[in-house]
Amino acid sequence: MTPEQAITSQGNAIVPSLAAPATSSSSTYLDVSTYPAGLTSREVEVLRLVARGLTSGEIALELQIREKTVAHHLTHIFNKTNSENRAAAAAFAIRHGLA
């Protein structure tokens, strides 16, 4: 059961959807201004997987990119979100409804 399902089943407040914003048909990636802290859509994608607890290797496999590229994205994510580590970045994602 997801956290949203657990809250809903207890009859508490409605939980907003955490799904990614809809994309236009002309582009797979959203405008940077759509996400907090100037994150790109790819950075948000990586951040969501970090928040799920995936390792860099697992993220690389999931996104079909090199682990070095994941590290590059994480560096940008940490800088943009003022996070010192993966846990802080995951907390940022949760606070901003990205995960």
PDB file of N, CA and C in Angstrom:
ATOM      1  N   MET A   1       0.847  -1.174   0.000  1.00  0.00           N
ATOM      2  CA  MET A   1       0.000   0.000   0.000  1.00  0.00           C
ATOM      3  C   MET A   1       0.893   1.237   0.000  1.00  0.00           C
ATOM      4  N   THR A   2       0.573   2.188  -0.870  1.00  0.00           N
ATOM      5  CA  THR A   2       1.352   3.420  -0.921  1.00  0.00           C
ATOM      6  C   THR A   2       0.953   4.319   0.239  1.00  0.00           C
ATOM      7  N   PRO A   3       1.803   5.308   0.584  1.00  0.00           N
ATOM      8  CA  PRO A   3       1.421   6.239   1.647  1.00  0.00           C
ATOM      9  C   PRO A   3       0.112   6.960   1.345  1.00  0.00           C
ATOM     10  N   GLU A   4      -0.104   7.298   0.074  1.00  0.00           N
ATOM     11  CA  GLU A   4      -1.331   7.975  -0.310  1.00  0.00           C
ATOM     12  C   GLU A   4      -2.555   7.087  -0.059  1.00  0.00           C
ATOM     13  N   GLN A   5      -2.438   5.803  -0.383  1.00  0.00           N
ATOM     14  CA  GLN A   5      -3.534   4.872  -0.158  1.00  0.00           C
ATOM     15  C   GLN A   5      -3.798   4.695   1.328  1.00  0.00           C
ATOM     16  N   ALA A   6      -2.738   4.658   2.114  1.00  0.00           N
ATOM     17  CA  ALA A   6      -2.895   4.504   3.555  1.00  0.00           C
ATOM     18  C   ALA A   6      -3.635   5.683   4.158  1.00  0.00           C
ATOM     19  N   ILE A   7      -3.279   6.893   3.748  1.00  0.00           N
ATOM     20  CA  ILE A   7      -3.935   8.083   4.259  1.00  0.00           C
ATOM     21  C   ILE A   7      -5.388   8.121   3.822  1.00  0.00           C
ATOM     22  N   THR A   8      -5.625   7.818   2.561  1.00  0.00           N
ATOM     23  CA  THR A   8      -6.980   7.825   2.032  1.00  0.00           C
ATOM     24  C   THR A   8      -7.848   6.784   2.730  1.00  0.00           C
ATOM     25  N   SER A   9      -7.304   5.606   2.989  1.00  0.00           N
ATOM     26  CA  SER A   9      -8.087   4.550   3.626  1.00  0.00           C
ATOM     27  C   SER A   9      -8.440   4.887   5.062  1.00  0.00           C
ATOM     28  N   GLN A  10      -7.693   5.791   5.688  1.00  0.00           N
ATOM     29  CA  GLN A  10      -7.985   6.212   7.052  1.00  0.00           C
ATOM     30  C   GLN A  10      -8.994   7.350   7.085  1.00  0.00           C
ATOM     31  N   GLY A  11      -9.395   7.842   5.917  1.00  0.00           N
ATOM     32  CA  GLY A  11     -10.393   8.891   5.847  1.00  0.00           C
ATOM     33  C   GLY A  11      -9.830  10.272   6.141  1.00  0.00           C
ATOM     34  N   ASN A  12      -8.521  10.431   6.047  1.00  0.00           N
ATOM     35  CA  ASN A  12      -7.908  11.739   6.285  1.00  0.00           C
ATOM     36  C   ASN A  12      -8.033  12.617   5.059  1.00  0.00           C
ATOM     37  N   ALA A  13      -7.383  13.748   5.106  1.00  0.00           N
ATOM     38  CA  ALA A  13      -7.440  14.727   4.026  1.00  0.00           C
ATOM     39  C   ALA A  13      -7.028  14.110   2.698  1.00  0.00           C
ATOM     40  N   ILE A  14      -7.538  14.680   1.651  1.00  0.00           N
ATOM     41  CA  ILE A  14      -7.209  14.220   0.303  1.00  0.00           C
ATOM     42  C   ILE A  14      -5.752  14.539   0.023  1.00  0.00           C
ATOM     43  N   VAL A  15      -5.036  13.572  -0.527  1.00  0.00           N
ATOM     44  CA  VAL A  15      -3.632  13.740  -0.853  1.00  0.00           C
ATOM     45  C   VAL A  15      -3.526  14.126  -2.314  1.00  0.00           C
ATOM     46  N   PRO A  16      -2.832  15.237  -2.609  1.00  0.00           N
ATOM     47  CA  PRO A  16      -2.696  15.613  -4.023  1.00  0.00           C
ATOM     48  C   PRO A  16      -1.882  14.585  -4.783  1.00  0.00           C
ATOM     49  N   SER A  17      -2.155  14.486  -6.051  1.00  0.00           N
ATOM     50  CA  SER A  17      -1.417  13.557  -6.894  1.00  0.00           C
ATOM     51  C   SER A  17       0.041  13.967  -6.975  1.00  0.00           C
ATOM     52  N   LEU A  18       0.941  12.970  -6.916  1.00  0.00           N
ATOM     53  CA  LEU A  18       2.364  13.244  -7.002  1.00  0.00           C
ATOM     54  C   LEU A  18       2.906  12.917  -8.380  1.00  0.00           C
ATOM     55  N   ALA A  19       2.019  12.703  -9.318  1.00  0.00           N
ATOM     56  CA  ALA A  19       2.441  12.355 -10.670  1.00  0.00           C
ATOM     57  C   ALA A  19       3.133  13.550 -11.316  1.00  0.00           C
ATOM     58  N   ALA A  20       3.950  13.245 -12.302  1.00  0.00           N
ATOM     59  CA  ALA A  20       4.655  14.301 -13.025  1.00  0.00           C
ATOM     60  C   ALA A  20       3.656  15.147 -13.796  1.00  0.00           C
ATOM     61  N   PRO A  21       3.923  16.419 -13.933  1.00  0.00           N
ATOM     62  CA  PRO A  21       3.050  17.272 -14.735  1.00  0.00           C
ATOM     63  C   PRO A  21       2.988  16.770 -16.174  1.00  0.00           C
ATOM     64  N   ALA A  22       1.877  17.019 -16.816  1.00  0.00           N
ATOM     65  CA  ALA A  22       1.704  16.567 -18.197  1.00  0.00           C
ATOM     66  C   ALA A  22       2.682  17.282 -19.118  1.00  0.00           C
ATOM     67  N   THR A  23       3.157  16.551 -20.100  1.00  0.00           N
ATOM     68  CA  THR A  23       4.088  17.148 -21.060  1.00  0.00           C
ATOM     69  C   THR A  23       3.344  17.490 -22.337  1.00  0.00           C
ATOM     70  N   SER A  24       3.869  18.427 -23.068  1.00  0.00           N
ATOM     71  CA  SER A  24       3.286  18.756 -24.354  1.00  0.00           C
ATOM     72  C   SER A  24       3.659  17.666 -25.346  1.00  0.00           C
ATOM     73  N   SER A  25       2.881  17.539 -26.393  1.00  0.00           N
ATOM     74  CA  SER A  25       3.148  16.486 -27.360  1.00  0.00           C
ATOM     75  C   SER A  25       4.416  16.758 -28.161  1.00  0.00           C
ATOM     76  N   SER A  26       4.878  18.007 -28.169  1.00  0.00           N
ATOM     77  CA  SER A  26       6.050  18.325 -28.980  1.00  0.00           C
ATOM     78  C   SER A  26       7.368  18.088 -28.258  1.00  0.00           C
ATOM     79  N   SER A  27       7.314  17.825 -26.957  1.00  0.00           N
ATOM     80  CA  SER A  27       8.563  17.679 -26.221  1.00  0.00           C
ATOM     81  C   SER A  27       8.417  16.656 -25.107  1.00  0.00           C
ATOM     82  N   THR A  28       9.434  15.826 -24.946  1.00  0.00           N
ATOM     83  CA  THR A  28       9.447  14.858 -23.857  1.00  0.00           C
ATOM     84  C   THR A  28       9.789  15.541 -22.546  1.00  0.00           C
ATOM     85  N   TYR A  29      10.613  16.584 -22.593  1.00  0.00           N
ATOM     86  CA  TYR A  29      11.071  17.263 -21.398  1.00  0.00           C
ATOM     87  C   TYR A  29      10.324  18.570 -21.201  1.00  0.00           C
ATOM     88  N   LEU A  30      10.029  18.868 -19.939  1.00  0.00           N
ATOM     89  CA  LEU A  30       9.315  20.088 -19.609  1.00  0.00           C
ATOM     90  C   LEU A  30      10.269  21.252 -19.448  1.00  0.00           C
ATOM     91  N   ASP A  31       9.720  22.426 -19.530  1.00  0.00           N
ATOM     92  CA  ASP A  31      10.478  23.646 -19.297  1.00  0.00           C
ATOM     93  C   ASP A  31      11.039  23.626 -17.882  1.00  0.00           C
ATOM     94  N   VAL A  32      12.268  24.074 -17.717  1.00  0.00           N
ATOM     95  CA  VAL A  32      12.942  24.073 -16.421  1.00  0.00           C
ATOM     96  C   VAL A  32      12.116  24.822 -15.385  1.00  0.00           C
ATOM     97  N   SER A  33      11.415  25.867 -15.773  1.00  0.00           N
ATOM     98  CA  SER A  33      10.656  26.674 -14.823  1.00  0.00           C
ATOM     99  C   SER A  33       9.504  25.900 -14.197  1.00  0.00           C
ATOM    100  N   THR A  34       9.176  24.730 -14.726  1.00  0.00           N
ATOM    101  CA  THR A  34       8.094  23.911 -14.199  1.00  0.00           C
ATOM    102  C   THR A  34       8.465  23.296 -12.851  1.00  0.00           C
ATOM    103  N   TYR A  35       9.720  23.064 -12.603  1.00  0.00           N
ATOM    104  CA  TYR A  35      10.179  22.379 -11.405  1.00  0.00           C
ATOM    105  C   TYR A  35      10.874  23.335 -10.441  1.00  0.00           C
ATOM    106  N   PRO A  36      10.828  23.026  -9.135  1.00  0.00           N
ATOM    107  CA  PRO A  36      11.486  23.881  -8.154  1.00  0.00           C
ATOM    108  C   PRO A  36      13.009  23.862  -8.302  1.00  0.00           C
ATOM    109  N   ALA A  37      13.636  24.910  -7.836  1.00  0.00           N
ATOM    110  CA  ALA A  37      15.095  25.043  -7.781  1.00  0.00           C
ATOM    111  C   ALA A  37      15.756  24.983  -9.157  1.00  0.00           C
ATOM    112  N   GLY A  38      14.983  25.179 -10.218  1.00  0.00           N
ATOM    113  CA  GLY A  38      15.556  25.155 -11.556  1.00  0.00           C
ATOM    114  C   GLY A  38      15.948  23.771 -12.038  1.00  0.00           C
ATOM    115  N   LEU A  39      15.386  22.734 -11.423  1.00  0.00           N
ATOM    116  CA  LEU A  39      15.688  21.363 -11.839  1.00  0.00           C
ATOM    117  C   LEU A  39      15.139  21.103 -13.236  1.00  0.00           C
ATOM    118  N   THR A  40      15.888  20.367 -14.030  1.00  0.00           N
ATOM    119  CA  THR A  40      15.404  19.943 -15.343  1.00  0.00           C
ATOM    120  C   THR A  40      14.527  18.715 -15.172  1.00  0.00           C
ATOM    121  N   SER A  41      13.810  18.363 -16.194  1.00  0.00           N
ATOM    122  CA  SER A  41      12.958  17.184 -16.111  1.00  0.00           C
ATOM    123  C   SER A  41      13.788  15.914 -15.905  1.00  0.00           C
ATOM    124  N   ARG A  42      14.966  15.836 -16.506  1.00  0.00           N
ATOM    125  CA  ARG A  42      15.819  14.653 -16.328  1.00  0.00           C
ATOM    126  C   ARG A  42      16.340  14.590 -14.892  1.00  0.00           C
ATOM    127  N   GLU A  43      16.702  15.746 -14.330  1.00  0.00           N
ATOM    128  CA  GLU A  43      17.142  15.778 -12.938  1.00  0.00           C
ATOM    129  C   GLU A  43      16.021  15.344 -12.002  1.00  0.00           C
ATOM    130  N   VAL A  44      14.808  15.762 -12.298  1.00  0.00           N
ATOM    131  CA  VAL A  44      13.660  15.344 -11.494  1.00  0.00           C
ATOM    132  C   VAL A  44      13.455  13.841 -11.616  1.00  0.00           C
ATOM    133  N   GLU A  45      13.632  13.319 -12.815  1.00  0.00           N
ATOM    134  CA  GLU A  45      13.529  11.878 -13.039  1.00  0.00           C
ATOM    135  C   GLU A  45      14.534  11.123 -12.162  1.00  0.00           C
ATOM    136  N   VAL A  46      15.771  11.588 -12.162  1.00  0.00           N
ATOM    137  CA  VAL A  46      16.819  10.976 -11.335  1.00  0.00           C
ATOM    138  C   VAL A  46      16.476  11.147  -9.858  1.00  0.00           C
ATOM    139  N   LEU A  47      16.033  12.328  -9.477  1.00  0.00           N
ATOM    140  CA  LEU A  47      15.699  12.603  -8.079  1.00  0.00           C
ATOM    141  C   LEU A  47      14.575  11.702  -7.582  1.00  0.00           C
ATOM    142  N   ARG A  48      13.582  11.465  -8.404  1.00  0.00           N
ATOM    143  CA  ARG A  48      12.483  10.558  -8.019  1.00  0.00           C
ATOM    144  C   ARG A  48      13.004   9.144  -7.756  1.00  0.00           C
ATOM    145  N   LEU A  49      13.944   8.705  -8.563  1.00  0.00           N
ATOM    146  CA  LEU A  49      14.511   7.370  -8.365  1.00  0.00           C
ATOM    147  C   LEU A  49      15.390   7.326  -7.121  1.00  0.00           C
ATOM    148  N   VAL A  50      16.099   8.403  -6.841  1.00  0.00           N
ATOM    149  CA  VAL A  50      16.876   8.498  -5.597  1.00  0.00           C
ATOM    150  C   VAL A  50      15.926   8.405  -4.408  1.00  0.00           C
ATOM    151  N   ALA A  51      14.817   9.123  -4.479  1.00  0.00           N
ATOM    152  CA  ALA A  51      13.845   9.120  -3.390  1.00  0.00           C
ATOM    153  C   ALA A  51      13.230   7.737  -3.182  1.00  0.00           C
ATOM    154  N   ARG A  52      13.183   6.936  -4.244  1.00  0.00           N
ATOM    155  CA  ARG A  52      12.696   5.559  -4.122  1.00  0.00           C
ATOM    156  C   ARG A  52      13.740   4.632  -3.537  1.00  0.00           C
ATOM    157  N   GLY A  53      14.970   5.141  -3.356  1.00  0.00           N
ATOM    158  CA  GLY A  53      16.025   4.351  -2.739  1.00  0.00           C
ATOM    159  C   GLY A  53      16.912   3.598  -3.713  1.00  0.00           C
ATOM    160  N   LEU A  54      16.829   3.907  -5.001  1.00  0.00           N
ATOM    161  CA  LEU A  54      17.668   3.217  -5.977  1.00  0.00           C
ATOM    162  C   LEU A  54      19.108   3.700  -5.887  1.00  0.00           C
ATOM    163  N   THR A  55      20.035   2.804  -6.140  1.00  0.00           N
ATOM    164  CA  THR A  55      21.453   3.158  -6.206  1.00  0.00           C
ATOM    165  C   THR A  55      21.731   3.822  -7.549  1.00  0.00           C
ATOM    166  N   SER A  56      22.909   4.408  -7.680  1.00  0.00           N
ATOM    167  CA  SER A  56      23.283   5.027  -8.955  1.00  0.00           C
ATOM    168  C   SER A  56      23.303   4.000 -10.081  1.00  0.00           C
ATOM    169  N   GLY A  57      23.780   2.803  -9.789  1.00  0.00           N
ATOM    170  CA  GLY A  57      23.793   1.741 -10.792  1.00  0.00           C
ATOM    171  C   GLY A  57      22.395   1.353 -11.231  1.00  0.00           C
ATOM    172  N   GLU A  58      21.473   1.270 -10.280  1.00  0.00           N
ATOM    173  CA  GLU A  58      20.088   0.928 -10.604  1.00  0.00           C
ATOM    174  C   GLU A  58      19.419   2.043 -11.399  1.00  0.00           C
ATOM    175  N   ILE A  59      19.728   3.284 -11.039  1.00  0.00           N
ATOM    176  CA  ILE A  59      19.182   4.424 -11.786  1.00  0.00           C
ATOM    177  C   ILE A  59      19.703   4.401 -13.219  1.00  0.00           C
ATOM    178  N   ALA A  60      20.984   4.123 -13.381  1.00  0.00           N
ATOM    179  CA  ALA A  60      21.575   4.050 -14.716  1.00  0.00           C
ATOM    180  C   ALA A  60      20.866   2.990 -15.566  1.00  0.00           C
ATOM    181  N   LEU A  61      20.624   1.831 -14.979  1.00  0.00           N
ATOM    182  CA  LEU A  61      19.915   0.779 -15.716  1.00  0.00           C
ATOM    183  C   LEU A  61      18.492   1.198 -16.054  1.00  0.00           C
ATOM    184  N   GLU A  62      17.809   1.782 -15.098  1.00  0.00           N
ATOM    185  CA  GLU A  62      16.418   2.204 -15.290  1.00  0.00           C
ATOM    186  C   GLU A  62      16.292   3.238 -16.415  1.00  0.00           C
ATOM    187  N   LEU A  63      17.216   4.188 -16.434  1.00  0.00           N
ATOM    188  CA  LEU A  63      17.142   5.272 -17.415  1.00  0.00           C
ATOM    189  C   LEU A  63      17.968   5.009 -18.673  1.00  0.00           C
ATOM    190  N   GLN A  64      18.640   3.878 -18.698  1.00  0.00           N
ATOM    191  CA  GLN A  64      19.488   3.486 -19.826  1.00  0.00           C
ATOM    192  C   GLN A  64      20.540   4.552 -20.130  1.00  0.00           C
ATOM    193  N   ILE A  65      21.234   4.959 -19.049  1.00  0.00           N
ATOM    194  CA  ILE A  65      22.339   5.898 -19.169  1.00  0.00           C
ATOM    195  C   ILE A  65      23.510   5.339 -18.383  1.00  0.00           C
ATOM    196  N   ARG A  66      24.665   5.949 -18.506  1.00  0.00           N
ATOM    197  CA  ARG A  66      25.848   5.482 -17.785  1.00  0.00           C
ATOM    198  C   ARG A  66      25.795   5.955 -16.333  1.00  0.00           C
ATOM    199  N   GLU A  67      26.419   5.198 -15.455  1.00  0.00           N
ATOM    200  CA  GLU A  67      26.462   5.558 -14.046  1.00  0.00           C
ATOM    201  C   GLU A  67      27.166   6.908 -13.847  1.00  0.00           C
ATOM    202  N   LYS A  68      28.133   7.192 -14.680  1.00  0.00           N
ATOM    203  CA  LYS A  68      28.834   8.475 -14.615  1.00  0.00           C
ATOM    204  C   LYS A  68      27.867   9.628 -14.915  1.00  0.00           C
ATOM    205  N   THR A  69      26.936   9.403 -15.817  1.00  0.00           N
ATOM    206  CA  THR A  69      25.930  10.417 -16.134  1.00  0.00           C
ATOM    207  C   THR A  69      25.004  10.631 -14.943  1.00  0.00           C
ATOM    208  N   VAL A  70      24.656   9.554 -14.264  1.00  0.00           N
ATOM    209  CA  VAL A  70      23.836   9.664 -13.051  1.00  0.00           C
ATOM    210  C   VAL A  70      24.571  10.527 -12.025  1.00  0.00           C
ATOM    211  N   ALA A  71      25.856  10.278 -11.841  1.00  0.00           N
ATOM    212  CA  ALA A  71      26.655  11.060 -10.895  1.00  0.00           C
ATOM    213  C   ALA A  71      26.655  12.539 -11.280  1.00  0.00           C
ATOM    214  N   HIS A  72      26.744  12.806 -12.576  1.00  0.00           N
ATOM    215  CA  HIS A  72      26.712  14.181 -13.071  1.00  0.00           C
ATOM    216  C   HIS A  72      25.376  14.838 -12.716  1.00  0.00           C
ATOM    217  N   HIS A  73      24.271  14.130 -12.962  1.00  0.00           N
ATOM    218  CA  HIS A  73      22.946  14.655 -12.618  1.00  0.00           C
ATOM    219  C   HIS A  73      22.838  14.893 -11.113  1.00  0.00           C
ATOM    220  N   LEU A  74      23.354  13.953 -10.319  1.00  0.00           N
ATOM    221  CA  LEU A  74      23.278  14.103  -8.867  1.00  0.00           C
ATOM    222  C   LEU A  74      24.042  15.335  -8.385  1.00  0.00           C
ATOM    223  N   THR A  75      25.178  15.607  -8.982  1.00  0.00           N
ATOM    224  CA  THR A  75      25.938  16.806  -8.625  1.00  0.00           C
ATOM    225  C   THR A  75      25.098  18.057  -8.851  1.00  0.00           C
ATOM    226  N   HIS A  76      24.428  18.113  -9.994  1.00  0.00           N
ATOM    227  CA  HIS A  76      23.568  19.257 -10.305  1.00  0.00           C
ATOM    228  C   HIS A  76      22.383  19.324  -9.349  1.00  0.00           C
ATOM    229  N   ILE A  77      21.802  18.176  -9.048  1.00  0.00           N
ATOM    230  CA  ILE A  77      20.665  18.130  -8.124  1.00  0.00           C
ATOM    231  C   ILE A  77      21.089  18.631  -6.747  1.00  0.00           C
ATOM    232  N   PHE A  78      22.212  18.146  -6.249  1.00  0.00           N
ATOM    233  CA  PHE A  78      22.704  18.570  -4.939  1.00  0.00           C
ATOM    234  C   PHE A  78      22.945  20.077  -4.916  1.00  0.00           C
ATOM    235  N   ASN A  79      23.570  20.596  -5.949  1.00  0.00           N
ATOM    236  CA  ASN A  79      23.847  22.038  -6.002  1.00  0.00           C
ATOM    237  C   ASN A  79      22.570  22.861  -6.057  1.00  0.00           C
ATOM    238  N   LYS A  80      21.634  22.461  -6.899  1.00  0.00           N
ATOM    239  CA  LYS A  80      20.399  23.233  -7.080  1.00  0.00           C
ATOM    240  C   LYS A  80      19.490  23.176  -5.859  1.00  0.00           C
ATOM    241  N   THR A  81      19.504  22.061  -5.140  1.00  0.00           N
ATOM    242  CA  THR A  81      18.607  21.892  -3.990  1.00  0.00           C
ATOM    243  C   THR A  81      19.303  22.171  -2.661  1.00  0.00           C
ATOM    244  N   ASN A  82      20.569  22.577  -2.716  1.00  0.00           N
ATOM    245  CA  ASN A  82      21.367  22.807  -1.505  1.00  0.00           C
ATOM    246  C   ASN A  82      21.374  21.575  -0.609  1.00  0.00           C
ATOM    247  N   SER A  83      21.492  20.418  -1.225  1.00  0.00           N
ATOM    248  CA  SER A  83      21.523  19.148  -0.506  1.00  0.00           C
ATOM    249  C   SER A  83      22.958  18.652  -0.415  1.00  0.00           C
ATOM    250  N   GLU A  84      23.297  18.095   0.724  1.00  0.00           N
ATOM    251  CA  GLU A  84      24.651  17.570   0.909  1.00  0.00           C
ATOM    252  C   GLU A  84      24.768  16.092   0.564  1.00  0.00           C
ATOM    253  N   ASN A  85      23.619  15.408   0.457  1.00  0.00           N
ATOM    254  CA  ASN A  85      23.656  13.973   0.196  1.00  0.00           C
ATOM    255  C   ASN A  85      22.328  13.515  -0.394  1.00  0.00           C
ATOM    256  N   ARG A  86      22.257  12.224  -0.695  1.00  0.00           N
ATOM    257  CA  ARG A  86      21.063  11.651  -1.317  1.00  0.00           C
ATOM    258  C   ARG A  86      19.844  11.759  -0.417  1.00  0.00           C
ATOM    259  N   ALA A  87      20.040  11.576   0.887  1.00  0.00           N
ATOM    260  CA  ALA A  87      18.909  11.645   1.820  1.00  0.00           C
ATOM    261  C   ALA A  87      18.299  13.047   1.836  1.00  0.00           C
ATOM    262  N   ALA A  88      19.152  14.052   1.849  1.00  0.00           N
ATOM    263  CA  ALA A  88      18.662  15.435   1.840  1.00  0.00           C
ATOM    264  C   ALA A  88      17.961  15.742   0.523  1.00  0.00           C
ATOM    265  N   ALA A  89      18.486  15.238  -0.574  1.00  0.00           N
ATOM    266  CA  ALA A  89      17.861  15.445  -1.878  1.00  0.00           C
ATOM    267  C   ALA A  89      16.495  14.747  -1.927  1.00  0.00           C
ATOM    268  N   ALA A  90      16.417  13.544  -1.367  1.00  0.00           N
ATOM    269  CA  ALA A  90      15.139  12.822  -1.315  1.00  0.00           C
ATOM    270  C   ALA A  90      14.129  13.589  -0.474  1.00  0.00           C
ATOM    271  N   ALA A  91      14.582  14.152   0.637  1.00  0.00           N
ATOM    272  CA  ALA A  91      13.689  14.953   1.485  1.00  0.00           C
ATOM    273  C   ALA A  91      13.183  16.171   0.721  1.00  0.00           C
ATOM    274  N   PHE A  92      14.058  16.801  -0.056  1.00  0.00           N
ATOM    275  CA  PHE A  92      13.664  17.932  -0.899  1.00  0.00           C
ATOM    276  C   PHE A  92      12.562  17.485  -1.871  1.00  0.00           C
ATOM    277  N   ALA A  93      12.768  16.330  -2.489  1.00  0.00           N
ATOM    278  CA  ALA A  93      11.789  15.813  -3.457  1.00  0.00           C
ATOM    279  C   ALA A  93      10.439  15.602  -2.798  1.00  0.00           C
ATOM    280  N   ILE A  94      10.444  15.050  -1.605  1.00  0.00           N
ATOM    281  CA  ILE A  94       9.184  14.789  -0.888  1.00  0.00           C
ATOM    282  C   ILE A  94       8.515  16.110  -0.514  1.00  0.00           C
ATOM    283  N   ARG A  95       9.289  17.052   0.023  1.00  0.00           N
ATOM    284  CA  ARG A  95       8.738  18.345   0.429  1.00  0.00           C
ATOM    285  C   ARG A  95       8.096  19.089  -0.742  1.00  0.00           C
ATOM    286  N   HIS A  96       8.635  18.914  -1.926  1.00  0.00           N
ATOM    287  CA  HIS A  96       8.153  19.633  -3.093  1.00  0.00           C
ATOM    288  C   HIS A  96       7.222  18.800  -3.982  1.00  0.00           C
ATOM    289  N   GLY A  97       6.790  17.664  -3.475  1.00  0.00           N
ATOM    290  CA  GLY A  97       5.824  16.846  -4.223  1.00  0.00           C
ATOM    291  C   GLY A  97       6.382  16.201  -5.465  1.00  0.00           C
ATOM    292  N   LEU A  98       7.678  15.965  -5.497  1.00  0.00           N
ATOM    293  CA  LEU A  98       8.296  15.351  -6.665  1.00  0.00           C
ATOM    294  C   LEU A  98       8.431  13.839  -6.519  1.00  0.00           C
ATOM    295  N   ALA A  99       8.268  13.339  -5.314  1.00  0.00           N
ATOM    296  CA  ALA A  99       8.423  11.895  -5.073  1.00  0.00           C
ATOM    297  C   ALA A  99       7.290  11.384  -4.224  1.00  0.00           C
TER     298      ALA A  99
END
